[in-house]
Amino acid sequence: MKRLLNSLIVAFMSVVLVSCNNQQKQGTTVGFGQQTSVTSPKNDKQELIKRVVSELNQRLPLAVGYSTNLVEINLTTNTITYKYEIDDDEVGKELDNSISFMKYSSLSQIAHSLKNNIQGNNNRQFYQALVDCNYGIEIEYHELNTAKRIAYRISKSEIQDVLNGKYDDQPTPEEWE
């Protein structure tokens, strides 16, 4: 069961890493061939967040595990919500008991990606943009067979804790197996 839950967390992180891979760098052409422009730093960061969400939504639905699909990403004034559908009865039965584990695993996985400089500095820039623009992350899972739903939120302050190194020494889900 832990292996299945770990795959859900890794699925979330792989989507975040893919989105961060398409970030623009000042003065260069990336993504869909758009040239960056110099505006206020907060506006630039808000545009980065909007662009990442827009680019990912164009790829949906996206298979991110053997039984998991990312089906929707929503952006509100202070939250990015990743909505997943799971087609696995066994995972569905355990979702309610796994929220704390999954949230902690997500924080550890984010810290691991930052510590190991995965995707260069793009991950750090993305998460810093979330903090600077007062965004949190919400992850929702819906198991199709059991109709179980869970959600957990990673707050702005928790993202800042990760950026400050709070979770650097924590094991990643892969290390717990």
N, C-alpha and C. Protein backbone atom coordinates (compact mmCIF):
# COMPACT_ATOMS: atom_id res chain seq x y z
N MET A 1 0.82 -1.18 0.00
CA MET A 1 0.00 0.00 0.00
C MET A 1 0.87 1.26 0.00
N LYS A 2 1.93 1.24 0.82
CA LYS A 2 2.81 2.41 0.85
C LYS A 2 3.40 2.69 -0.52
N ARG A 3 3.73 1.65 -1.25
CA ARG A 3 4.27 1.80 -2.60
C ARG A 3 3.26 2.50 -3.50
N LEU A 4 1.99 2.13 -3.39
CA LEU A 4 0.96 2.78 -4.21
C LEU A 4 0.80 4.24 -3.85
N LEU A 5 0.78 4.53 -2.57
CA LEU A 5 0.66 5.93 -2.14
C LEU A 5 1.87 6.74 -2.55
N ASN A 6 3.05 6.14 -2.46
CA ASN A 6 4.26 6.83 -2.91
C ASN A 6 4.15 7.18 -4.39
N SER A 7 3.56 6.28 -5.17
CA SER A 7 3.45 6.57 -6.60
C SER A 7 2.55 7.77 -6.85
N LEU A 8 1.55 7.99 -6.00
CA LEU A 8 0.70 9.18 -6.14
C LEU A 8 1.49 10.45 -5.88
N ILE A 9 2.34 10.42 -4.88
CA ILE A 9 3.14 11.59 -4.54
C ILE A 9 4.17 11.85 -5.63
N VAL A 10 4.80 10.80 -6.10
CA VAL A 10 5.77 10.97 -7.18
C VAL A 10 5.07 11.48 -8.42
N ALA A 11 3.83 11.05 -8.64
CA ALA A 11 3.06 11.54 -9.78
C ALA A 11 2.85 13.04 -9.67
N PHE A 12 2.49 13.53 -8.49
CA PHE A 12 2.32 14.97 -8.30
C PHE A 12 3.62 15.70 -8.59
N MET A 13 4.72 15.20 -8.05
CA MET A 13 6.00 15.87 -8.23
C MET A 13 6.44 15.85 -9.69
N SER A 14 6.17 14.76 -10.40
CA SER A 14 6.60 14.72 -11.80
C SER A 14 5.87 15.76 -12.62
N VAL A 15 4.63 16.04 -12.29
CA VAL A 15 3.88 17.07 -13.00
C VAL A 15 4.45 18.44 -12.67
N VAL A 16 4.77 18.69 -11.43
CA VAL A 16 5.36 19.97 -11.06
C VAL A 16 6.69 20.15 -11.75
N LEU A 17 7.50 19.10 -11.80
CA LEU A 17 8.81 19.21 -12.46
C LEU A 17 8.66 19.46 -13.94
N VAL A 18 7.69 18.83 -14.58
CA VAL A 18 7.46 19.07 -16.00
C VAL A 18 7.07 20.53 -16.21
N SER A 19 6.21 21.05 -15.34
CA SER A 19 5.76 22.43 -15.51
C SER A 19 6.92 23.40 -15.32
N CYS A 20 7.78 23.11 -14.39
CA CYS A 20 8.90 24.01 -14.13
C CYS A 20 9.93 23.97 -15.24
N ASN A 21 9.95 22.92 -16.01
CA ASN A 21 10.90 22.81 -17.10
C ASN A 21 10.62 23.79 -18.22
N ASN A 22 9.41 24.34 -18.29
CA ASN A 22 9.03 25.23 -19.38
C ASN A 22 9.04 26.70 -18.98
N GLN A 23 9.67 27.05 -17.87
CA GLN A 23 9.70 28.43 -17.43
C GLN A 23 10.54 29.29 -18.35
N GLN A 24 10.15 30.56 -18.46
CA GLN A 24 10.91 31.49 -19.28
C GLN A 24 12.04 32.10 -18.47
N LYS A 25 13.09 32.41 -19.17
CA LYS A 25 14.21 33.12 -18.57
C LYS A 25 14.27 34.47 -19.24
N GLN A 26 14.57 35.49 -18.48
CA GLN A 26 14.56 36.85 -19.01
C GLN A 26 15.43 36.98 -20.26
N GLY A 27 14.81 37.54 -21.31
CA GLY A 27 15.55 37.81 -22.53
C GLY A 27 15.75 36.62 -23.45
N THR A 28 15.12 35.48 -23.15
CA THR A 28 15.28 34.32 -24.02
C THR A 28 13.91 33.88 -24.51
N THR A 29 13.92 33.08 -25.56
CA THR A 29 12.69 32.54 -26.10
C THR A 29 12.57 31.10 -25.65
N VAL A 30 11.45 30.77 -25.00
CA VAL A 30 11.23 29.42 -24.51
C VAL A 30 9.76 29.08 -24.64
N GLY A 31 9.40 27.87 -24.19
CA GLY A 31 7.99 27.49 -24.16
C GLY A 31 7.37 27.53 -25.54
N PHE A 32 6.39 28.38 -25.72
CA PHE A 32 5.68 28.47 -26.98
C PHE A 32 6.23 29.58 -27.85
N GLY A 33 7.50 29.93 -27.68
CA GLY A 33 8.14 30.93 -28.52
C GLY A 33 7.85 32.35 -28.10
N GLN A 34 7.43 32.54 -26.86
CA GLN A 34 7.14 33.88 -26.39
C GLN A 34 8.40 34.55 -25.87
N GLN A 35 8.56 35.80 -26.17
CA GLN A 35 9.71 36.57 -25.68
C GLN A 35 9.32 37.20 -24.34
N THR A 36 10.19 37.14 -23.36
CA THR A 36 9.88 37.74 -22.07
C THR A 36 9.99 39.25 -22.16
N SER A 37 9.29 39.90 -21.27
CA SER A 37 9.38 41.36 -21.19
C SER A 37 9.63 41.74 -19.75
N VAL A 38 10.17 42.89 -19.54
CA VAL A 38 10.48 43.33 -18.19
C VAL A 38 9.29 44.13 -17.66
N THR A 39 8.66 43.61 -16.63
CA THR A 39 7.57 44.29 -15.93
C THR A 39 7.88 44.20 -14.45
N SER A 40 6.92 44.51 -13.61
CA SER A 40 7.19 44.43 -12.18
C SER A 40 7.46 42.99 -11.77
N PRO A 41 8.33 42.78 -10.78
CA PRO A 41 8.68 41.41 -10.37
C PRO A 41 7.47 40.57 -9.97
N LYS A 42 6.51 41.15 -9.24
CA LYS A 42 5.35 40.37 -8.83
C LYS A 42 4.49 40.00 -10.04
N ASN A 43 4.32 40.93 -10.99
CA ASN A 43 3.57 40.61 -12.20
C ASN A 43 4.25 39.51 -12.99
N ASP A 44 5.58 39.56 -13.08
CA ASP A 44 6.33 38.51 -13.77
C ASP A 44 6.07 37.15 -13.11
N LYS A 45 6.07 37.12 -11.81
CA LYS A 45 5.87 35.87 -11.09
C LYS A 45 4.44 35.37 -11.25
N GLN A 46 3.47 36.28 -11.24
CA GLN A 46 2.09 35.87 -11.46
C GLN A 46 1.92 35.32 -12.87
N GLU A 47 2.56 35.95 -13.82
CA GLU A 47 2.50 35.47 -15.21
C GLU A 47 3.16 34.11 -15.34
N LEU A 48 4.26 33.90 -14.64
CA LEU A 48 4.93 32.59 -14.64
C LEU A 48 3.97 31.52 -14.14
N ILE A 49 3.30 31.78 -13.02
CA ILE A 49 2.37 30.82 -12.45
C ILE A 49 1.23 30.54 -13.44
N LYS A 50 0.66 31.59 -14.01
CA LYS A 50 -0.43 31.42 -14.98
C LYS A 50 0.02 30.63 -16.19
N ARG A 51 1.22 30.90 -16.66
CA ARG A 51 1.73 30.22 -17.85
C ARG A 51 1.95 28.74 -17.56
N VAL A 52 2.52 28.42 -16.41
CA VAL A 52 2.75 27.02 -16.05
C VAL A 52 1.42 26.28 -16.02
N VAL A 53 0.42 26.87 -15.38
CA VAL A 53 -0.90 26.23 -15.30
C VAL A 53 -1.51 26.07 -16.69
N SER A 54 -1.41 27.10 -17.50
CA SER A 54 -1.96 27.05 -18.86
C SER A 54 -1.28 25.97 -19.70
N GLU A 55 0.04 25.90 -19.64
CA GLU A 55 0.77 24.90 -20.41
C GLU A 55 0.42 23.49 -19.97
N LEU A 56 0.30 23.28 -18.67
CA LEU A 56 -0.06 21.95 -18.19
C LEU A 56 -1.48 21.58 -18.59
N ASN A 57 -2.41 22.52 -18.48
CA ASN A 57 -3.80 22.22 -18.84
C ASN A 57 -3.93 21.80 -20.30
N GLN A 58 -3.07 22.30 -21.15
CA GLN A 58 -3.12 21.91 -22.56
C GLN A 58 -2.72 20.45 -22.77
N ARG A 59 -2.04 19.86 -21.80
CA ARG A 59 -1.58 18.47 -21.90
C ARG A 59 -2.53 17.47 -21.24
N LEU A 60 -3.60 17.95 -20.63
CA LEU A 60 -4.48 17.08 -19.85
C LEU A 60 -5.51 16.39 -20.72
N PRO A 61 -5.97 15.21 -20.32
CA PRO A 61 -5.53 14.46 -19.15
C PRO A 61 -4.14 13.89 -19.37
N LEU A 62 -3.43 13.72 -18.27
CA LEU A 62 -2.05 13.28 -18.32
C LEU A 62 -1.88 12.07 -17.40
N ALA A 63 -1.48 10.95 -17.96
CA ALA A 63 -1.22 9.76 -17.16
C ALA A 63 0.07 9.99 -16.39
N VAL A 64 0.00 9.84 -15.07
CA VAL A 64 1.17 10.09 -14.22
C VAL A 64 1.51 8.90 -13.35
N GLY A 65 0.90 7.80 -13.59
CA GLY A 65 1.18 6.58 -12.86
C GLY A 65 0.39 5.47 -13.51
N TYR A 66 0.57 4.27 -13.00
CA TYR A 66 -0.10 3.15 -13.64
C TYR A 66 -1.62 3.21 -13.49
N SER A 67 -2.12 3.93 -12.50
CA SER A 67 -3.57 4.02 -12.32
C SER A 67 -4.03 5.45 -12.00
N THR A 68 -3.19 6.43 -12.26
CA THR A 68 -3.49 7.81 -11.88
C THR A 68 -3.39 8.73 -13.08
N ASN A 69 -4.37 9.61 -13.19
CA ASN A 69 -4.37 10.63 -14.25
C ASN A 69 -4.60 12.00 -13.63
N LEU A 70 -3.80 12.94 -14.07
CA LEU A 70 -4.05 14.34 -13.73
C LEU A 70 -5.10 14.81 -14.71
N VAL A 71 -6.24 15.27 -14.20
CA VAL A 71 -7.35 15.62 -15.09
C VAL A 71 -7.65 17.10 -15.14
N GLU A 72 -7.18 17.85 -14.16
CA GLU A 72 -7.51 19.27 -14.14
C GLU A 72 -6.55 20.02 -13.22
N ILE A 73 -6.20 21.22 -13.63
CA ILE A 73 -5.42 22.13 -12.78
C ILE A 73 -6.16 23.45 -12.79
N ASN A 74 -6.51 23.91 -11.60
CA ASN A 74 -7.22 25.17 -11.47
C ASN A 74 -6.36 26.19 -10.76
N LEU A 75 -6.50 27.41 -11.15
CA LEU A 75 -5.78 28.52 -10.53
C LEU A 75 -6.82 29.51 -10.02
N THR A 76 -6.80 29.72 -8.71
CA THR A 76 -7.66 30.74 -8.12
C THR A 76 -6.76 31.87 -7.63
N THR A 77 -7.32 32.80 -6.90
CA THR A 77 -6.53 33.95 -6.46
C THR A 77 -5.40 33.57 -5.52
N ASN A 78 -5.48 32.42 -4.85
CA ASN A 78 -4.38 32.07 -3.95
C ASN A 78 -4.06 30.58 -3.89
N THR A 79 -4.54 29.80 -4.85
CA THR A 79 -4.31 28.36 -4.82
C THR A 79 -4.17 27.79 -6.23
N ILE A 80 -3.22 26.89 -6.38
CA ILE A 80 -3.17 26.02 -7.55
C ILE A 80 -3.68 24.67 -7.08
N THR A 81 -4.73 24.18 -7.74
CA THR A 81 -5.31 22.89 -7.38
C THR A 81 -5.03 21.88 -8.48
N TYR A 82 -4.38 20.78 -8.09
CA TYR A 82 -4.12 19.66 -8.98
C TYR A 82 -5.16 18.60 -8.66
N LYS A 83 -5.98 18.20 -9.66
CA LYS A 83 -7.01 17.20 -9.46
C LYS A 83 -6.63 15.92 -10.19
N TYR A 84 -6.58 14.84 -9.43
CA TYR A 84 -6.20 13.54 -9.96
C TYR A 84 -7.37 12.57 -9.85
N GLU A 85 -7.45 11.65 -10.82
CA GLU A 85 -8.36 10.52 -10.74
C GLU A 85 -7.52 9.27 -10.63
N ILE A 86 -7.96 8.38 -9.74
CA ILE A 86 -7.25 7.13 -9.49
C ILE A 86 -8.20 5.99 -9.84
N ASP A 87 -7.72 5.00 -10.55
CA ASP A 87 -8.53 3.84 -10.89
C ASP A 87 -7.90 2.62 -10.22
N ASP A 88 -8.01 2.57 -8.90
CA ASP A 88 -7.40 1.48 -8.13
C ASP A 88 -8.16 1.36 -6.81
N ASP A 89 -8.95 0.30 -6.67
CA ASP A 89 -9.77 0.10 -5.47
C ASP A 89 -8.95 0.09 -4.18
N GLU A 90 -7.78 -0.57 -4.23
CA GLU A 90 -6.97 -0.70 -3.02
C GLU A 90 -6.49 0.67 -2.53
N VAL A 91 -6.05 1.50 -3.43
CA VAL A 91 -5.64 2.85 -3.04
C VAL A 91 -6.84 3.62 -2.51
N GLY A 92 -7.97 3.49 -3.20
CA GLY A 92 -9.17 4.19 -2.77
C GLY A 92 -9.57 3.87 -1.34
N LYS A 93 -9.43 2.61 -0.95
CA LYS A 93 -9.79 2.20 0.41
C LYS A 93 -8.89 2.82 1.46
N GLU A 94 -7.66 3.17 1.09
CA GLU A 94 -6.69 3.68 2.04
C GLU A 94 -6.53 5.19 2.03
N LEU A 95 -7.19 5.88 1.11
CA LEU A 95 -6.96 7.31 0.97
C LEU A 95 -7.22 8.09 2.26
N ASP A 96 -8.33 7.80 2.93
CA ASP A 96 -8.67 8.55 4.14
C ASP A 96 -7.59 8.46 5.22
N ASN A 97 -6.92 7.32 5.28
CA ASN A 97 -5.92 7.09 6.31
C ASN A 97 -4.54 7.60 5.92
N SER A 98 -4.43 8.20 4.77
CA SER A 98 -3.12 8.51 4.22
C SER A 98 -2.84 9.98 3.99
N ILE A 99 -3.75 10.86 4.37
CA ILE A 99 -3.60 12.28 4.04
C ILE A 99 -2.33 12.86 4.65
N SER A 100 -2.10 12.63 5.91
CA SER A 100 -0.90 13.19 6.56
C SER A 100 0.37 12.66 5.92
N PHE A 101 0.40 11.36 5.68
CA PHE A 101 1.56 10.75 5.04
C PHE A 101 1.80 11.36 3.66
N MET A 102 0.74 11.52 2.89
CA MET A 102 0.88 12.04 1.53
C MET A 102 1.34 13.49 1.54
N LYS A 103 0.82 14.28 2.46
CA LYS A 103 1.24 15.68 2.53
C LYS A 103 2.71 15.77 2.92
N TYR A 104 3.09 15.05 3.95
CA TYR A 104 4.48 15.06 4.39
C TYR A 104 5.41 14.57 3.27
N SER A 105 4.96 13.54 2.57
CA SER A 105 5.75 13.01 1.46
C SER A 105 5.91 14.05 0.36
N SER A 106 4.85 14.79 0.07
CA SER A 106 4.93 15.84 -0.95
C SER A 106 5.94 16.91 -0.55
N LEU A 107 5.90 17.34 0.70
CA LEU A 107 6.85 18.35 1.18
C LEU A 107 8.28 17.83 1.09
N SER A 108 8.48 16.58 1.47
CA SER A 108 9.82 15.99 1.40
C SER A 108 10.30 15.87 -0.04
N GLN A 109 9.38 15.52 -0.94
CA GLN A 109 9.74 15.37 -2.34
C GLN A 109 10.09 16.73 -2.96
N ILE A 110 9.34 17.77 -2.61
CA ILE A 110 9.67 19.12 -3.09
C ILE A 110 11.05 19.51 -2.59
N ALA A 111 11.31 19.28 -1.31
CA ALA A 111 12.62 19.61 -0.74
C ALA A 111 13.73 18.85 -1.45
N HIS A 112 13.49 17.59 -1.74
CA HIS A 112 14.48 16.77 -2.45
C HIS A 112 14.78 17.35 -3.83
N SER A 113 13.74 17.79 -4.54
CA SER A 113 13.96 18.34 -5.88
C SER A 113 14.75 19.65 -5.81
N LEU A 114 14.50 20.45 -4.77
CA LEU A 114 15.25 21.70 -4.62
C LEU A 114 16.68 21.45 -4.19
N LYS A 115 16.86 20.56 -3.24
CA LYS A 115 18.19 20.27 -2.71
C LYS A 115 19.10 19.70 -3.79
N ASN A 116 18.54 18.88 -4.65
CA ASN A 116 19.33 18.24 -5.69
C ASN A 116 19.30 19.01 -7.00
N ASN A 117 18.76 20.20 -6.96
CA ASN A 117 18.77 21.12 -8.11
C ASN A 117 18.18 20.48 -9.37
N ILE A 118 17.12 19.67 -9.17
CA ILE A 118 16.45 19.05 -10.31
C ILE A 118 15.78 20.15 -11.12
N GLN A 119 15.91 20.12 -12.42
CA GLN A 119 15.42 21.15 -13.33
C GLN A 119 16.17 22.46 -13.15
N GLY A 120 17.40 22.40 -12.74
CA GLY A 120 18.19 23.62 -12.54
C GLY A 120 17.56 24.46 -11.44
N ASN A 121 17.49 25.74 -11.65
CA ASN A 121 16.91 26.64 -10.66
C ASN A 121 15.42 26.85 -10.89
N ASN A 122 14.84 26.20 -11.90
CA ASN A 122 13.43 26.43 -12.23
C ASN A 122 12.48 26.09 -11.11
N ASN A 123 12.71 24.96 -10.42
CA ASN A 123 11.83 24.59 -9.32
C ASN A 123 11.84 25.66 -8.23
N ARG A 124 13.02 26.10 -7.85
CA ARG A 124 13.13 27.13 -6.80
C ARG A 124 12.41 28.40 -7.24
N GLN A 125 12.58 28.80 -8.49
CA GLN A 125 11.91 30.01 -8.98
C GLN A 125 10.40 29.86 -8.95
N PHE A 126 9.91 28.68 -9.34
CA PHE A 126 8.48 28.44 -9.34
C PHE A 126 7.91 28.51 -7.92
N TYR A 127 8.54 27.80 -6.99
CA TYR A 127 8.04 27.80 -5.61
C TYR A 127 8.20 29.17 -4.95
N GLN A 128 9.26 29.88 -5.28
CA GLN A 128 9.42 31.24 -4.76
C GLN A 128 8.34 32.16 -5.31
N ALA A 129 7.98 31.97 -6.57
CA ALA A 129 6.89 32.75 -7.16
C ALA A 129 5.58 32.47 -6.44
N LEU A 130 5.34 31.22 -6.08
CA LEU A 130 4.13 30.90 -5.33
C LEU A 130 4.10 31.65 -4.00
N VAL A 131 5.21 31.64 -3.29
CA VAL A 131 5.29 32.33 -2.00
C VAL A 131 5.11 33.83 -2.19
N ASP A 132 5.84 34.40 -3.13
CA ASP A 132 5.79 35.85 -3.35
C ASP A 132 4.41 36.34 -3.77
N CYS A 133 3.66 35.49 -4.42
CA CYS A 133 2.32 35.86 -4.88
C CYS A 133 1.22 35.32 -3.96
N ASN A 134 1.64 34.78 -2.82
CA ASN A 134 0.71 34.32 -1.78
C ASN A 134 -0.15 33.13 -2.23
N TYR A 135 0.45 32.18 -2.94
CA TYR A 135 -0.25 30.99 -3.40
C TYR A 135 0.09 29.80 -2.52
N GLY A 136 -0.87 28.91 -2.41
CA GLY A 136 -0.66 27.60 -1.83
C GLY A 136 -0.95 26.56 -2.90
N ILE A 137 -0.77 25.32 -2.56
CA ILE A 137 -1.04 24.21 -3.47
C ILE A 137 -2.07 23.31 -2.81
N GLU A 138 -3.04 22.88 -3.58
CA GLU A 138 -3.98 21.89 -3.09
C GLU A 138 -3.91 20.69 -4.03
N ILE A 139 -3.88 19.51 -3.45
CA ILE A 139 -3.84 18.28 -4.23
C ILE A 139 -5.10 17.50 -3.88
N GLU A 140 -5.90 17.18 -4.89
CA GLU A 140 -7.13 16.41 -4.71
C GLU A 140 -7.00 15.08 -5.43
N TYR A 141 -7.44 14.02 -4.77
CA TYR A 141 -7.48 12.70 -5.37
C TYR A 141 -8.91 12.19 -5.32
N HIS A 142 -9.38 11.63 -6.42
CA HIS A 142 -10.70 11.03 -6.50
C HIS A 142 -10.52 9.62 -7.04
N GLU A 143 -10.87 8.63 -6.23
CA GLU A 143 -10.78 7.25 -6.68
C GLU A 143 -12.09 6.89 -7.37
N LEU A 144 -12.03 6.48 -8.62
CA LEU A 144 -13.22 6.30 -9.45
C LEU A 144 -14.11 5.15 -9.00
N ASN A 145 -13.54 4.05 -8.51
CA ASN A 145 -14.33 2.87 -8.16
C ASN A 145 -15.02 2.99 -6.82
N THR A 146 -14.36 3.58 -5.85
CA THR A 146 -14.93 3.69 -4.50
C THR A 146 -15.56 5.06 -4.26
N ALA A 147 -15.36 6.00 -5.17
CA ALA A 147 -15.86 7.38 -5.05
C ALA A 147 -15.26 8.11 -3.85
N LYS A 148 -14.14 7.60 -3.34
CA LYS A 148 -13.44 8.28 -2.24
C LYS A 148 -12.76 9.52 -2.78
N ARG A 149 -12.78 10.57 -1.98
CA ARG A 149 -12.10 11.81 -2.33
C ARG A 149 -11.31 12.28 -1.11
N ILE A 150 -10.10 12.73 -1.37
CA ILE A 150 -9.33 13.39 -0.32
C ILE A 150 -8.65 14.60 -0.94
N ALA A 151 -8.29 15.51 -0.09
CA ALA A 151 -7.53 16.68 -0.53
C ALA A 151 -6.65 17.13 0.62
N TYR A 152 -5.53 17.67 0.27
CA TYR A 152 -4.69 18.30 1.28
C TYR A 152 -4.09 19.55 0.68
N ARG A 153 -3.74 20.48 1.55
CA ARG A 153 -3.23 21.77 1.12
C ARG A 153 -1.82 21.96 1.65
N ILE A 154 -0.97 22.50 0.79
CA ILE A 154 0.37 22.92 1.19
C ILE A 154 0.32 24.44 1.17
N SER A 155 0.44 25.03 2.34
CA SER A 155 0.26 26.48 2.49
C SER A 155 1.49 27.25 2.01
N LYS A 156 1.30 28.52 1.85
CA LYS A 156 2.41 29.42 1.49
C LYS A 156 3.54 29.29 2.52
N SER A 157 3.20 29.25 3.79
CA SER A 157 4.25 29.16 4.82
C SER A 157 4.97 27.81 4.76
N GLU A 158 4.26 26.75 4.41
CA GLU A 158 4.92 25.45 4.27
C GLU A 158 5.85 25.43 3.06
N ILE A 159 5.43 26.09 1.98
CA ILE A 159 6.31 26.20 0.82
C ILE A 159 7.55 27.00 1.20
N GLN A 160 7.37 28.08 1.96
CA GLN A 160 8.51 28.87 2.42
C GLN A 160 9.43 28.04 3.31
N ASP A 161 8.85 27.22 4.17
CA ASP A 161 9.66 26.32 5.01
C ASP A 161 10.53 25.41 4.15
N VAL A 162 9.95 24.88 3.08
CA VAL A 162 10.72 24.02 2.17
C VAL A 162 11.85 24.83 1.54
N LEU A 163 11.54 26.03 1.07
CA LEU A 163 12.57 26.87 0.45
C LEU A 163 13.68 27.21 1.44
N ASN A 164 13.34 27.31 2.72
CA ASN A 164 14.32 27.62 3.76
C ASN A 164 15.08 26.39 4.25
N GLY A 165 14.79 25.22 3.69
CA GLY A 165 15.55 24.02 4.03
C GLY A 165 14.99 23.18 5.15
N LYS A 166 13.76 23.45 5.60
CA LYS A 166 13.20 22.72 6.73
C LYS A 166 13.12 21.21 6.48
N TYR A 167 12.85 20.80 5.29
CA TYR A 167 12.65 19.38 4.99
C TYR A 167 13.84 18.75 4.28
N ASP A 168 14.98 19.43 4.25
CA ASP A 168 16.14 18.94 3.50
C ASP A 168 16.63 17.57 3.94
N ASP A 169 16.56 17.28 5.23
CA ASP A 169 17.12 16.03 5.74
C ASP A 169 16.09 14.92 5.87
N GLN A 170 14.89 15.15 5.37
CA GLN A 170 13.84 14.14 5.50
C GLN A 170 13.94 13.15 4.35
N PRO A 171 13.61 11.90 4.62
CA PRO A 171 13.67 10.91 3.54
C PRO A 171 12.57 11.17 2.51
N THR A 172 12.87 10.84 1.27
CA THR A 172 11.86 10.93 0.22
C THR A 172 11.03 9.65 0.27
N PRO A 173 9.85 9.64 -0.36
CA PRO A 173 9.02 8.43 -0.33
C PRO A 173 9.75 7.20 -0.84
N GLU A 174 10.61 7.35 -1.83
CA GLU A 174 11.34 6.20 -2.35
C GLU A 174 12.26 5.60 -1.30
N GLU A 175 12.79 6.43 -0.41
CA GLU A 175 13.71 5.96 0.63
C GLU A 175 12.99 5.26 1.77
N TRP A 176 11.67 5.43 1.87
CA TRP A 176 10.92 4.80 2.95
C TRP A 176 10.58 3.35 2.67
N GLU A 177 10.71 2.94 1.43
CA GLU A 177 10.31 1.57 1.08
C GLU A 177 11.29 0.55 1.61
